[in-house]
Every structure is written in C-alpha cells, then in structure tokens.
Amino acid sequence: MNLQWIAIPAIFCLSACATQTPPTKDKLAGTAWQLVSIQSMDDSQGTTSIANPANFTLHFSPDGRAVLKLDCNRATGSYETKPGIDGHTGSLTFGPIASTRALCPPPNIDERIARNLQHVRSYLIKEGKLYLSLMADGGIYAWERHHE
C-alpha cells in the first residue's frame, strides 16, 4: 500500500480543521445588568421605564446560573446561550426560574419579569446595553451594566 494515499487525506483533514472559525466566546458569562426599560410591541403599552434600575438586576454566572434581584424578591435558574458569529448577538434561553414570592409594592414588575423570562429567545449587546427579546414579538427588555 502506498503511504501517500493515506497521508494526503490526513493533510486535507488537518488543514480543513485548522481553518474553521473557533466558537465565539459567551459574552454574557460573568456579567451583571440592571433593568432600565421594557419595550412592548403593542403600541397601546409602549415603553415602561424602570424608576429604580438597581432594584432589578440580572447576573450571568460563568457556571450557567442566572441570579436575579426582582425588587423585593430574589430568583435563580439556569441559562444557556449560543453566541452568534459577531459575538454581540445570539440565542438565549432560561431554564425553570425559582423565585421568592414576597408581595412587593406596586407596580409589581417583578412578577412580570419572572413570568417572561421563559419567553426570552435572543439577546443583543449594543452600545453598552443588553437587549433581551421575547418570542413572538412579546417585547424587549433593555438592561445596562450593573456595577456593585
């Protein structure tokens, strides 16, 4: 058997593997955000500005856990991202979210956020903000960096 017939396919395989683009790093892992607005796709609701953004925070742990402060409540659950090629967009899904159920003062945005996390499907990081899009044009949650 001629060794060149074995070596040539091996060389092509190695060169093809070397030219593949490495996976994009998850830009959400290890970051913390605070909610600044909720944009509804329904014109009658418009955009809800958050009066105290530091009362609504979202931390993405490197181990795939999301930790939230939702006004007077706390929540945690898993998350999974699939970054896009550009590194600033990608898919995002949350697993089941466990939350405390203290009765926070109105307008009770904490309940809305906890309920809607299961409907998040994608993210965009642009100009220092994180935008989480809900499925079926359900709205967009806009977050800015949170510094503790």
C-alpha atoms as a PDB file:
ATOM      1  CA  MET A   1       0.000   0.000   0.000  1.00  0.00           C
ATOM      2  CA  ASN A   2       1.286   3.432  -0.917  1.00  0.00           C
ATOM      3  CA  LEU A   3       1.560   5.780   2.110  1.00  0.00           C
ATOM      4  CA  GLN A   4       0.835   8.888   0.050  1.00  0.00           C
ATOM      5  CA  TRP A   5      -2.791   7.738  -0.343  1.00  0.00           C
ATOM      6  CA  ILE A   6      -3.132   7.737   3.425  1.00  0.00           C
ATOM      7  CA  ALA A   7      -1.124  10.907   4.056  1.00  0.00           C
ATOM      8  CA  ILE A   8      -2.899  13.126   1.504  1.00  0.00           C
ATOM      9  CA  PRO A   9      -6.407  12.773   3.028  1.00  0.00           C
ATOM     10  CA  ALA A  10      -4.934  13.291   6.503  1.00  0.00           C
ATOM     11  CA  ILE A  11      -3.275  16.550   5.374  1.00  0.00           C
ATOM     12  CA  PHE A  12      -6.553  17.814   3.891  1.00  0.00           C
ATOM     13  CA  CYS A  13      -8.393  16.968   7.115  1.00  0.00           C
ATOM     14  CA  LEU A  14      -5.824  18.803   9.240  1.00  0.00           C
ATOM     15  CA  SER A  15      -5.860  21.886   7.042  1.00  0.00           C
ATOM     16  CA  ALA A  16      -9.668  21.970   6.998  1.00  0.00           C
ATOM     17  CA  CYS A  17      -9.805  21.687  10.779  1.00  0.00           C
ATOM     18  CA  ALA A  18      -7.244  24.463  11.169  1.00  0.00           C
ATOM     19  CA  THR A  19      -9.245  26.903   9.006  1.00  0.00           C
ATOM     20  CA  GLN A  20     -12.542  26.506  10.882  1.00  0.00           C
ATOM     21  CA  THR A  21     -13.605  29.535  12.883  1.00  0.00           C
ATOM     22  CA  PRO A  22     -13.285  28.924  16.615  1.00  0.00           C
ATOM     23  CA  PRO A  23     -16.515  29.187  18.606  1.00  0.00           C
ATOM     24  CA  THR A  24     -17.362  32.701  19.759  1.00  0.00           C
ATOM     25  CA  LYS A  25     -16.991  33.273  23.495  1.00  0.00           C
ATOM     26  CA  ASP A  26     -20.137  33.742  25.567  1.00  0.00           C
ATOM     27  CA  LYS A  27     -20.116  37.499  26.311  1.00  0.00           C
ATOM     28  CA  LEU A  28     -22.840  37.197  28.943  1.00  0.00           C
ATOM     29  CA  ALA A  29     -20.991  34.851  31.324  1.00  0.00           C
ATOM     30  CA  GLY A  30     -19.680  36.766  34.323  1.00  0.00           C
ATOM     31  CA  THR A  31     -21.648  39.957  33.595  1.00  0.00           C
ATOM     32  CA  ALA A  32     -24.230  41.855  35.672  1.00  0.00           C
ATOM     33  CA  TRP A  33     -27.044  44.078  34.385  1.00  0.00           C
ATOM     34  CA  GLN A  34     -29.813  46.306  35.709  1.00  0.00           C
ATOM     35  CA  LEU A  35     -33.159  46.774  34.004  1.00  0.00           C
ATOM     36  CA  VAL A  36     -33.824  50.209  32.504  1.00  0.00           C
ATOM     37  CA  SER A  37     -36.919  49.640  30.366  1.00  0.00           C
ATOM     38  CA  ILE A  38     -39.427  47.177  28.989  1.00  0.00           C
ATOM     39  CA  GLN A  39     -40.443  47.836  25.403  1.00  0.00           C
ATOM     40  CA  SER A  40     -43.799  46.422  24.355  1.00  0.00           C
ATOM     41  CA  MET A  41     -44.557  45.639  20.741  1.00  0.00           C
ATOM     42  CA  ASP A  42     -48.130  46.747  21.496  1.00  0.00           C
ATOM     43  CA  ASP A  43     -48.379  50.483  20.781  1.00  0.00           C
ATOM     44  CA  SER A  44     -51.047  50.901  23.464  1.00  0.00           C
ATOM     45  CA  GLN A  45     -48.498  49.839  26.147  1.00  0.00           C
ATOM     46  CA  GLY A  46     -45.365  51.460  24.696  1.00  0.00           C
ATOM     47  CA  THR A  47     -42.197  51.549  26.801  1.00  0.00           C
ATOM     48  CA  THR A  48     -42.154  51.151  30.567  1.00  0.00           C
ATOM     49  CA  SER A  49     -39.208  52.975  32.157  1.00  0.00           C
ATOM     50  CA  ILE A  50     -37.861  51.493  35.366  1.00  0.00           C
ATOM     51  CA  ALA A  51     -37.711  54.091  38.159  1.00  0.00           C
ATOM     52  CA  ASN A  52     -35.027  52.263  40.200  1.00  0.00           C
ATOM     53  CA  PRO A  53     -32.937  50.098  37.835  1.00  0.00           C
ATOM     54  CA  ALA A  54     -30.717  48.819  40.687  1.00  0.00           C
ATOM     55  CA  ASN A  55     -33.819  47.082  42.135  1.00  0.00           C
ATOM     56  CA  PHE A  56     -33.926  44.781  39.106  1.00  0.00           C
ATOM     57  CA  THR A  57     -30.619  43.067  38.425  1.00  0.00           C
ATOM     58  CA  LEU A  58     -29.534  40.046  36.417  1.00  0.00           C
ATOM     59  CA  HIS A  59     -26.196  38.279  36.939  1.00  0.00           C
ATOM     60  CA  PHE A  60     -24.973  35.667  34.464  1.00  0.00           C
ATOM     61  CA  SER A  61     -22.627  33.334  36.346  1.00  0.00           C
ATOM     62  CA  PRO A  62     -19.916  31.557  34.316  1.00  0.00           C
ATOM     63  CA  ASP A  63     -21.357  28.221  35.510  1.00  0.00           C
ATOM     64  CA  GLY A  64     -24.661  28.752  33.624  1.00  0.00           C
ATOM     65  CA  ARG A  65     -26.716  30.126  36.528  1.00  0.00           C
ATOM     66  CA  ALA A  66     -28.730  33.321  36.358  1.00  0.00           C
ATOM     67  CA  VAL A  67     -29.236  35.191  39.639  1.00  0.00           C
ATOM     68  CA  LEU A  68     -31.834  37.949  39.789  1.00  0.00           C
ATOM     69  CA  LYS A  69     -32.923  40.642  42.172  1.00  0.00           C
ATOM     70  CA  LEU A  70     -36.541  41.452  41.328  1.00  0.00           C
ATOM     71  CA  ASP A  71     -37.428  44.398  43.544  1.00  0.00           C
ATOM     72  CA  CYS A  72     -38.127  42.770  46.949  1.00  0.00           C
ATOM     73  CA  ASN A  73     -37.767  39.225  45.577  1.00  0.00           C
ATOM     74  CA  ARG A  74     -34.845  37.040  44.533  1.00  0.00           C
ATOM     75  CA  ALA A  75     -34.739  34.444  41.775  1.00  0.00           C
ATOM     76  CA  THR A  76     -32.319  31.955  40.279  1.00  0.00           C
ATOM     77  CA  GLY A  77     -32.260  29.469  37.432  1.00  0.00           C
ATOM     78  CA  SER A  78     -30.168  28.143  34.606  1.00  0.00           C
ATOM     79  CA  TYR A  79     -29.465  29.844  31.309  1.00  0.00           C
ATOM     80  CA  GLU A  80     -27.931  28.756  28.023  1.00  0.00           C
ATOM     81  CA  THR A  81     -26.525  30.899  25.234  1.00  0.00           C
ATOM     82  CA  LYS A  82     -25.468  30.191  21.691  1.00  0.00           C
ATOM     83  CA  PRO A  83     -23.437  33.229  20.645  1.00  0.00           C
ATOM     84  CA  GLY A  84     -23.708  34.444  17.069  1.00  0.00           C
ATOM     85  CA  ILE A  85     -20.679  34.806  14.821  1.00  0.00           C
ATOM     86  CA  ASP A  86     -20.352  38.530  15.606  1.00  0.00           C
ATOM     87  CA  GLY A  87     -20.193  37.870  19.366  1.00  0.00           C
ATOM     88  CA  HIS A  88     -22.781  40.566  20.136  1.00  0.00           C
ATOM     89  CA  THR A  89     -25.923  38.588  19.351  1.00  0.00           C
ATOM     90  CA  GLY A  90     -27.130  35.083  19.964  1.00  0.00           C
ATOM     91  CA  SER A  91     -29.850  32.854  21.283  1.00  0.00           C
ATOM     92  CA  LEU A  92     -30.626  32.806  24.983  1.00  0.00           C
ATOM     93  CA  THR A  93     -32.933  30.525  26.918  1.00  0.00           C
ATOM     94  CA  PHE A  94     -33.640  30.335  30.618  1.00  0.00           C
ATOM     95  CA  GLY A  95     -34.460  27.116  32.421  1.00  0.00           C
ATOM     96  CA  PRO A  96     -37.019  26.996  35.212  1.00  0.00           C
ATOM     97  CA  ILE A  97     -36.699  30.026  37.488  1.00  0.00           C
ATOM     98  CA  ALA A  98     -37.175  29.614  41.250  1.00  0.00           C
ATOM     99  CA  SER A  99     -38.324  32.847  42.877  1.00  0.00           C
ATOM    100  CA  THR A 100     -39.327  34.112  46.276  1.00  0.00           C
ATOM    101  CA  ARG A 101     -42.878  35.440  46.407  1.00  0.00           C
ATOM    102  CA  ALA A 102     -42.851  38.424  48.726  1.00  0.00           C
ATOM    103  CA  LEU A 103     -45.520  40.990  47.975  1.00  0.00           C
ATOM    104  CA  CYS A 104     -43.584  43.935  46.532  1.00  0.00           C
ATOM    105  CA  PRO A 105     -45.119  47.406  46.315  1.00  0.00           C
ATOM    106  CA  PRO A 106     -46.829  48.299  43.017  1.00  0.00           C
ATOM    107  CA  PRO A 107     -46.343  48.307  40.052  1.00  0.00           C
ATOM    108  CA  ASN A 108     -45.315  44.621  40.583  1.00  0.00           C
ATOM    109  CA  ILE A 109     -42.880  44.491  37.678  1.00  0.00           C
ATOM    110  CA  ASP A 110     -41.099  41.637  39.491  1.00  0.00           C
ATOM    111  CA  GLU A 111     -43.940  39.241  38.648  1.00  0.00           C
ATOM    112  CA  ARG A 112     -43.904  40.295  35.003  1.00  0.00           C
ATOM    113  CA  ILE A 113     -40.149  39.736  34.670  1.00  0.00           C
ATOM    114  CA  ALA A 114     -40.233  36.328  36.401  1.00  0.00           C
ATOM    115  CA  ARG A 115     -43.123  35.258  34.149  1.00  0.00           C
ATOM    116  CA  ASN A 116     -41.498  36.495  30.926  1.00  0.00           C
ATOM    117  CA  LEU A 117     -38.000  35.031  31.382  1.00  0.00           C
ATOM    118  CA  GLN A 118     -39.195  31.699  29.998  1.00  0.00           C
ATOM    119  CA  HIS A 119     -40.114  33.519  26.768  1.00  0.00           C
ATOM    120  CA  VAL A 120     -36.676  35.098  26.144  1.00  0.00           C
ATOM    121  CA  ARG A 121     -35.205  33.770  22.900  1.00  0.00           C
ATOM    122  CA  SER A 122     -32.336  36.058  21.885  1.00  0.00           C
ATOM    123  CA  TYR A 123     -30.009  38.792  23.006  1.00  0.00           C
ATOM    124  CA  LEU A 124     -28.166  41.764  21.532  1.00  0.00           C
ATOM    125  CA  ILE A 125     -25.332  43.694  23.181  1.00  0.00           C
ATOM    126  CA  LYS A 126     -25.123  47.176  21.667  1.00  0.00           C
ATOM    127  CA  GLU A 127     -23.603  50.431  22.939  1.00  0.00           C
ATOM    128  CA  GLY A 128     -23.168  49.061  26.464  1.00  0.00           C
ATOM    129  CA  LYS A 129     -26.728  47.765  26.767  1.00  0.00           C
ATOM    130  CA  LEU A 130     -28.168  44.277  26.732  1.00  0.00           C
ATOM    131  CA  TYR A 131     -31.456  43.706  24.923  1.00  0.00           C
ATOM    132  CA  LEU A 132     -33.400  40.509  25.637  1.00  0.00           C
ATOM    133  CA  SER A 133     -36.065  39.744  23.040  1.00  0.00           C
ATOM    134  CA  LEU A 134     -39.150  37.729  23.876  1.00  0.00           C
ATOM    135  CA  MET A 135     -40.586  35.223  21.422  1.00  0.00           C
ATOM    136  CA  ALA A 136     -43.386  36.146  19.031  1.00  0.00           C
ATOM    137  CA  ASP A 137     -42.775  39.898  19.313  1.00  0.00           C
ATOM    138  CA  GLY A 138     -43.569  39.750  23.021  1.00  0.00           C
ATOM    139  CA  GLY A 139     -41.326  42.700  23.819  1.00  0.00           C
ATOM    140  CA  ILE A 140     -37.755  43.672  24.598  1.00  0.00           C
ATOM    141  CA  TYR A 141     -36.126  44.058  27.990  1.00  0.00           C
ATOM    142  CA  ALA A 142     -33.355  46.693  27.949  1.00  0.00           C
ATOM    143  CA  TRP A 143     -30.582  46.385  30.561  1.00  0.00           C
ATOM    144  CA  GLU A 144     -27.449  48.412  31.283  1.00  0.00           C
ATOM    145  CA  ARG A 145     -24.261  47.315  33.064  1.00  0.00           C
ATOM    146  CA  HIS A 146     -24.643  46.959  36.795  1.00  0.00           C
ATOM    147  CA  HIS A 147     -21.654  47.837  38.957  1.00  0.00           C
ATOM    148  CA  GLU A 148     -21.858  46.718  42.551  1.00  0.00           C
END
